[in-house]
Amino acid sequence: MPQKTGMYASIMLVAAVLGLMLTMQFRVTNSATNGISIDRAQELNAELKHINEEKESLSKEISDLTFKLNQINQGQAEAKNALQSELNKVRMNAGLVTVSGPGIELVLDKPDTDTENSQIPPELMIIRDEDLLSAVNELWGAGAEAISINGERIIATTEIRLAGSFININLNRVIPPYQILAIGNPDILMDSLELPGGLKEYWRDLGIKVTVEKHDDLTLPAYGK
């Protein structure tokens, strides 16, 4: 009996230990299963997929905004260049800047004819303000971009008028020979003066000395300089 009692006690003890071990294993297994459940794993995968999609969407948005920003910067640069070009054109037309380029040199000078023996009336042998005005208008009409007479830049408000026996340009007295510089297409400018019946022929008929030369590079001063 004492042996059976001991065996029962041992069996009960083993059973108790085994039961305890099974209980602990069940808890561990259950705990592990609760830590990374299939539903949770699927949920995490779905969140990760959503985050990746958002990341890709944001990357595309950044690229799109960068492209638009570059276009804006490029547009600003083009607008700035256009404004600067227009400003330079206005300043040149106003005669506010020195300008250089190809053109022609027209010189009108007093005639060599002996006035006492000439059959041309003396009053017609004088180079008048009207002659200079005709030259300027002819050259503007032929596309001249800038004109000067004896260093006086011709602008929209320039007055060329006879003052006594002299001609004033921009309120400054100028005397012969009158050197007229015009920047523009040299061939067109020269042709406009040398047309049959044109100004060059007219001046020569009056006995005025006329020379016209083409130049690859002329420099005209700014107004008032």
Foldseek 3Di string as FASTA:
>chain_A
DVVVVVVVVVVVVVVVVVVVVVVVVVVVVVVVCVVDPPVVVVVVVVVVVVVVVVVVVVVVVVVVVVVVVVVVVVVVVVVVVVVVVVVVLVCLQQLVAKDKFWAKKKWKFQFPDDQVPDPFPPVLRQDALVLVVLLVVLQVVLPFSWKDKPQATDHPPWDWHDDPSFTDTPNHTDDPGIIMITHDDHVSSVCSQPPVVHSVVVNVVSRIDIDMDIDGMDIHHGHPD
